[in-house]
Protein backbone atom coordinates (compact mmCIF):
# COMPACT_ATOMS: atom_id res chain seq x y z
CA UNK A 1 -58.07 -103.84 -73.06
CA UNK A 2 -57.63 -102.26 -69.64
CA UNK A 3 -55.37 -104.85 -68.00
CA UNK A 4 -55.23 -102.97 -64.71
CA UNK A 5 -58.98 -103.36 -64.39
CA UNK A 6 -58.61 -107.05 -65.33
CA UNK A 7 -56.08 -107.46 -62.52
CA UNK A 8 -58.45 -105.82 -60.03
CA UNK A 9 -61.33 -108.10 -61.05
CA UNK A 10 -59.11 -111.21 -60.85
CA UNK A 11 -57.79 -110.25 -57.41
CA UNK A 12 -61.29 -109.50 -56.18
CA UNK A 13 -62.53 -112.87 -57.44
CA UNK A 14 -59.62 -114.79 -55.89
CA UNK A 15 -59.86 -113.17 -52.47
CA UNK A 16 -63.64 -113.42 -52.29
CA UNK A 17 -63.61 -117.14 -53.19
CA UNK A 18 -60.74 -117.83 -50.78
CA UNK A 19 -62.49 -115.93 -47.96
CA UNK A 20 -65.72 -117.86 -48.49
CA UNK A 21 -63.92 -121.21 -48.43
CA UNK A 22 -61.82 -120.26 -45.41
CA UNK A 23 -64.85 -119.10 -43.43
CA UNK A 24 -66.85 -122.19 -44.34
CA UNK A 25 -64.22 -124.93 -44.09
CA UNK A 26 -61.11 -123.25 -42.64
CA UNK A 27 -59.33 -124.79 -45.60
CA UNK A 28 -58.46 -123.50 -49.07
CA UNK A 29 -57.35 -125.88 -51.81
CA UNK A 30 -53.96 -125.19 -53.37
CA UNK A 31 -55.67 -125.54 -56.74
CA UNK A 32 -57.24 -122.12 -56.21
CA UNK A 33 -53.79 -120.52 -56.00
CA UNK A 34 -52.57 -122.55 -58.98
CA UNK A 35 -55.53 -121.45 -61.10
CA UNK A 36 -55.15 -117.77 -60.30
CA UNK A 37 -51.35 -118.01 -60.53
CA UNK A 38 -51.73 -119.30 -64.09
CA UNK A 39 -54.18 -116.46 -64.82
CA UNK A 40 -51.63 -113.96 -63.50
CA UNK A 41 -48.95 -115.45 -65.74
CA UNK A 42 -51.21 -115.18 -68.79
CA UNK A 43 -51.79 -111.49 -68.12
CA UNK A 44 -48.03 -110.86 -68.27
CA UNK A 45 -47.98 -112.40 -71.76
CA UNK A 46 -50.19 -109.55 -72.98
CA UNK A 47 -49.26 -106.84 -70.47
CA UNK A 48 -45.56 -107.21 -69.70
CA UNK A 49 -44.01 -104.12 -68.04
CA UNK A 50 -42.64 -101.94 -70.81
CA UNK A 51 -39.84 -100.05 -69.07
CA UNK A 52 -36.96 -101.07 -66.82
CA UNK A 53 -38.46 -99.01 -63.98
CA UNK A 54 -41.81 -100.82 -64.27
CA UNK A 55 -40.07 -104.20 -64.51
CA UNK A 56 -37.99 -103.41 -61.43
CA UNK A 57 -41.06 -102.32 -59.47
CA UNK A 58 -42.87 -105.56 -60.29
CA UNK A 59 -39.79 -107.63 -59.39
CA UNK A 60 -39.36 -105.78 -56.07
CA UNK A 61 -43.06 -106.23 -55.28
CA UNK A 62 -42.91 -110.00 -55.87
CA UNK A 63 -39.62 -110.43 -54.01
CA UNK A 64 -40.67 -108.39 -50.96
CA UNK A 65 -44.02 -110.14 -50.78
CA UNK A 66 -42.41 -113.58 -51.01
CA UNK A 67 -39.86 -112.74 -48.30
CA UNK A 68 -42.42 -111.21 -45.93
CA UNK A 69 -44.96 -114.01 -46.50
CA UNK A 70 -42.36 -116.71 -45.90
CA UNK A 71 -41.03 -114.96 -42.80
CA UNK A 72 -44.44 -114.51 -41.20
CA UNK A 73 -45.41 -118.07 -42.18
CA UNK A 74 -42.30 -119.47 -40.50
CA UNK A 75 -43.06 -117.41 -37.39
CA UNK A 76 -46.40 -119.20 -37.13
CA UNK A 77 -48.53 -116.07 -37.50
CA UNK A 78 -49.56 -116.98 -41.06
CA UNK A 79 -51.10 -120.19 -42.26
CA UNK A 80 -49.89 -121.68 -45.52
CA UNK A 81 -53.01 -120.54 -47.39
CA UNK A 82 -52.53 -116.96 -46.17
CA UNK A 83 -48.91 -116.89 -47.36
CA UNK A 84 -49.71 -118.40 -50.76
CA UNK A 85 -52.68 -116.10 -51.18
CA UNK A 86 -50.59 -112.99 -50.61
CA UNK A 87 -47.88 -114.13 -53.05
CA UNK A 88 -50.40 -114.97 -55.80
CA UNK A 89 -52.14 -111.66 -55.15
CA UNK A 90 -48.80 -109.90 -55.69
CA UNK A 91 -48.39 -111.75 -58.99
CA UNK A 92 -51.86 -110.69 -60.12
CA UNK A 93 -51.57 -107.12 -58.90
CA UNK A 94 -47.99 -106.09 -58.11
CA UNK A 95 -48.78 -102.38 -57.93
CA UNK A 96 -51.75 -100.14 -57.31
CA UNK A 97 -52.28 -96.77 -58.93
CA UNK A 98 -55.85 -95.93 -57.98
CA UNK A 99 -59.44 -96.90 -58.71
CA UNK A 100 -60.82 -97.08 -61.27
CA UNK A 101 -57.85 -97.83 -63.49
CA UNK A 102 -58.81 -95.10 -65.95
CA UNK A 103 -57.92 -92.24 -63.65
CA UNK A 104 -59.70 -92.58 -60.35
CA UNK A 105 -62.67 -90.78 -58.90
CA UNK A 106 -61.47 -90.94 -55.29
CA UNK A 107 -57.91 -89.93 -54.38
CA UNK A 108 -56.18 -92.85 -52.62
CA UNK A 109 -53.66 -92.27 -49.84
CA UNK A 110 -50.51 -94.35 -50.25
CA UNK A 111 -46.93 -94.43 -48.96
CA UNK A 112 -45.82 -96.73 -51.80
CA UNK A 113 -47.29 -98.48 -54.87
CA UNK A 114 -46.82 -102.12 -53.75
CA UNK A 115 -50.38 -103.47 -53.62
CA UNK A 116 -49.71 -106.61 -51.57
CA UNK A 117 -48.10 -104.64 -48.72
CA UNK A 118 -50.97 -102.15 -48.71
CA UNK A 119 -53.45 -105.03 -48.49
CA UNK A 120 -51.44 -106.68 -45.70
CA UNK A 121 -51.17 -103.50 -43.60
CA UNK A 122 -54.87 -102.76 -44.16
CA UNK A 123 -55.72 -106.33 -43.09
CA UNK A 124 -53.70 -106.00 -39.88
CA UNK A 125 -55.37 -102.68 -39.02
CA UNK A 126 -58.86 -104.04 -39.75
CA UNK A 127 -58.16 -107.11 -37.62
CA UNK A 128 -57.86 -104.78 -34.60
CA UNK A 129 -61.64 -104.42 -34.71
CA UNK A 130 -61.62 -107.93 -33.25
CA UNK A 131 -60.81 -106.26 -29.93
CA UNK A 132 -64.25 -104.63 -29.95
CA UNK A 133 -65.84 -108.00 -30.72
CA UNK A 134 -63.96 -109.64 -27.83
CA UNK A 135 -65.04 -106.95 -25.38
CA UNK A 136 -68.66 -107.34 -26.51
CA UNK A 137 -68.53 -111.13 -26.10
CA UNK A 138 -66.98 -110.83 -22.66
CA UNK A 139 -69.64 -108.36 -21.57
CA UNK A 140 -72.34 -110.72 -22.82
CA UNK A 141 -70.77 -113.65 -20.97
CA UNK A 142 -70.47 -111.65 -17.75
CA UNK A 143 -74.09 -110.53 -18.03
CA UNK A 144 -75.41 -114.04 -18.65
CA UNK A 145 -73.03 -116.23 -16.65
CA UNK A 146 -71.33 -114.11 -14.01
CA UNK A 147 -67.62 -113.88 -13.20
CA UNK A 148 -65.38 -114.05 -16.25
CA UNK A 149 -62.38 -115.20 -14.25
CA UNK A 150 -63.76 -118.10 -12.23
CA UNK A 151 -60.87 -120.54 -11.84
CA UNK A 152 -58.40 -117.85 -12.88
CA UNK A 153 -58.70 -115.48 -9.92
CA UNK A 154 -54.98 -115.91 -9.18
CA UNK A 155 -53.97 -114.34 -12.50
CA UNK A 156 -52.64 -110.78 -12.40
CA UNK A 157 -54.67 -107.76 -13.49
CA UNK A 158 -52.32 -107.27 -16.45
CA UNK A 159 -52.81 -110.84 -17.69
CA UNK A 160 -56.58 -110.60 -17.21
CA UNK A 161 -56.58 -107.38 -19.24
CA UNK A 162 -54.61 -109.05 -22.04
CA UNK A 163 -57.13 -111.90 -22.07
CA UNK A 164 -60.02 -109.43 -22.33
CA UNK A 165 -58.39 -107.75 -25.33
CA UNK A 166 -57.19 -110.71 -27.38
CA UNK A 167 -59.81 -113.30 -26.44
CA UNK A 168 -63.10 -114.12 -24.79
CA UNK A 169 -64.63 -116.72 -22.53
CA UNK A 170 -67.17 -119.02 -24.14
CA UNK A 171 -69.15 -122.14 -23.39
CA UNK A 172 -69.23 -123.26 -27.02
CA UNK A 173 -65.94 -122.54 -28.81
CA UNK A 174 -66.02 -122.80 -32.60
CA UNK A 175 -62.98 -122.27 -34.80
CA UNK A 176 -61.12 -120.77 -31.85
CA UNK A 177 -57.69 -121.34 -30.30
CA UNK A 178 -57.14 -121.80 -26.54
CA UNK A 179 -55.43 -119.08 -24.54
CA UNK A 180 -55.52 -121.00 -21.28
CA UNK A 181 -54.02 -124.29 -20.15
CA UNK A 182 -53.58 -126.44 -17.05
CA UNK A 183 -50.39 -126.21 -14.96
CA UNK A 184 -50.17 -128.28 -11.78
CA UNK A 185 -53.94 -128.82 -11.92
CA UNK A 186 -54.53 -125.09 -12.02
CA UNK A 187 -55.94 -123.05 -14.89
CA UNK A 188 -53.56 -120.39 -16.19
CA UNK A 189 -53.56 -118.10 -19.19
CA UNK A 190 -51.27 -119.12 -22.02
CA UNK A 191 -50.43 -116.28 -24.41
CA UNK A 192 -47.47 -118.02 -26.05
CA UNK A 193 -47.30 -117.57 -29.83
CA UNK A 194 -48.37 -120.78 -31.55
CA UNK A 195 -48.06 -121.89 -35.15
CA UNK A 196 -51.23 -121.23 -37.14
CA UNK A 197 -50.51 -124.45 -39.04
CA UNK A 198 -50.22 -126.79 -36.05
CA UNK A 199 -52.38 -125.52 -33.19
CA UNK A 200 -55.66 -127.37 -32.69
CA UNK A 201 -59.02 -125.68 -32.30
CA UNK A 202 -60.38 -125.65 -28.75
CA UNK A 203 -63.03 -128.28 -27.96
CA UNK A 204 -63.44 -127.80 -24.20
CA UNK A 205 -66.41 -125.93 -22.77
CA UNK A 206 -66.36 -122.72 -20.74
CA UNK A 207 -62.79 -121.69 -21.56
CA UNK A 208 -60.87 -118.64 -22.71
CA UNK A 209 -60.18 -118.66 -26.46
CA UNK A 210 -58.96 -116.44 -29.26
CA UNK A 211 -61.14 -116.47 -32.36
CA UNK A 212 -59.52 -118.03 -35.40
CA UNK A 213 -60.85 -115.53 -37.93
CA UNK A 214 -59.03 -116.33 -41.19
CA UNK A 215 -56.50 -113.72 -42.30
CA UNK A 216 -57.76 -114.17 -45.87
CA UNK A 217 -61.04 -112.57 -44.80
CA UNK A 218 -59.17 -109.53 -43.52
CA UNK A 219 -57.08 -109.49 -46.70
CA UNK A 220 -60.28 -109.38 -48.76
CA UNK A 221 -61.52 -106.51 -46.59
CA UNK A 222 -58.11 -104.82 -46.82
CA UNK A 223 -58.16 -105.09 -50.60
CA UNK A 224 -61.66 -103.59 -50.76
CA UNK A 225 -60.56 -100.71 -48.53
CA UNK A 226 -57.48 -100.20 -50.72
CA UNK A 227 -59.69 -99.76 -53.77
CA UNK A 228 -61.79 -97.15 -51.97
CA UNK A 229 -59.35 -95.11 -49.85
CA UNK A 230 -55.92 -96.70 -50.37
CA UNK A 231 -53.48 -97.35 -47.52
CA UNK A 232 -55.12 -96.89 -44.11
CA UNK A 233 -51.75 -96.07 -42.51
CA UNK A 234 -51.12 -93.35 -45.08
CA UNK A 235 -54.66 -92.06 -44.69
CA UNK A 236 -54.28 -91.85 -40.91
CA UNK A 237 -50.96 -90.05 -41.33
CA UNK A 238 -52.48 -87.54 -43.75
CA UNK A 239 -55.28 -86.81 -41.27
CA UNK A 240 -53.32 -86.66 -38.02
CA UNK A 241 -49.87 -85.48 -39.12
CA UNK A 242 -48.65 -82.26 -37.49
CA UNK A 243 -49.23 -79.18 -39.60
């Protein structure tokens, strides 16, 4: 049995289910991680790393992923589901050596073989496309409703530019976090980093918000990209590096 292919299918199933649930409910049951964690453990019963080098690579992959996930979770940038998802993914697929598992038909660009870190870096890069979405939403708002900065005219050009990049103004926020607040009865931008676990979704109308697109969705996209081209950072380096 090709266990590498089994790992890919399991990871694909887990991330696709988690992304669907996160998009629909903004909540993923811990039972999903338990179920796929058990599946990962069962694979190791039949496909335990044979050499010390392979065992060390798997151990390093799991340890690094756990440390990074916990650190980002404690910083507030990750939600609990995102952190657990990345750790379970690392257990299912600690390394990546190309697609398909039997040799590969497309050469993947990689700096290292740790699959979870490739997926995470791909997810972060793909999330930058949200900037284009924000700009489009702000243009649509300005076209339909006029001045984007009514009530916030006193804010500096730099802060207005930041707001345009990381957020958008909307009359009907949905699954979005506020990036403005009231200070002395005056509206001001608030770009302070907030915990993804504790911050409440915005319910006011006609406010500046940052979309709460689940990281798990970007992880699913990052995993798919990894299977096709590998590590986006490595690919960019291979294209643009000085000759």
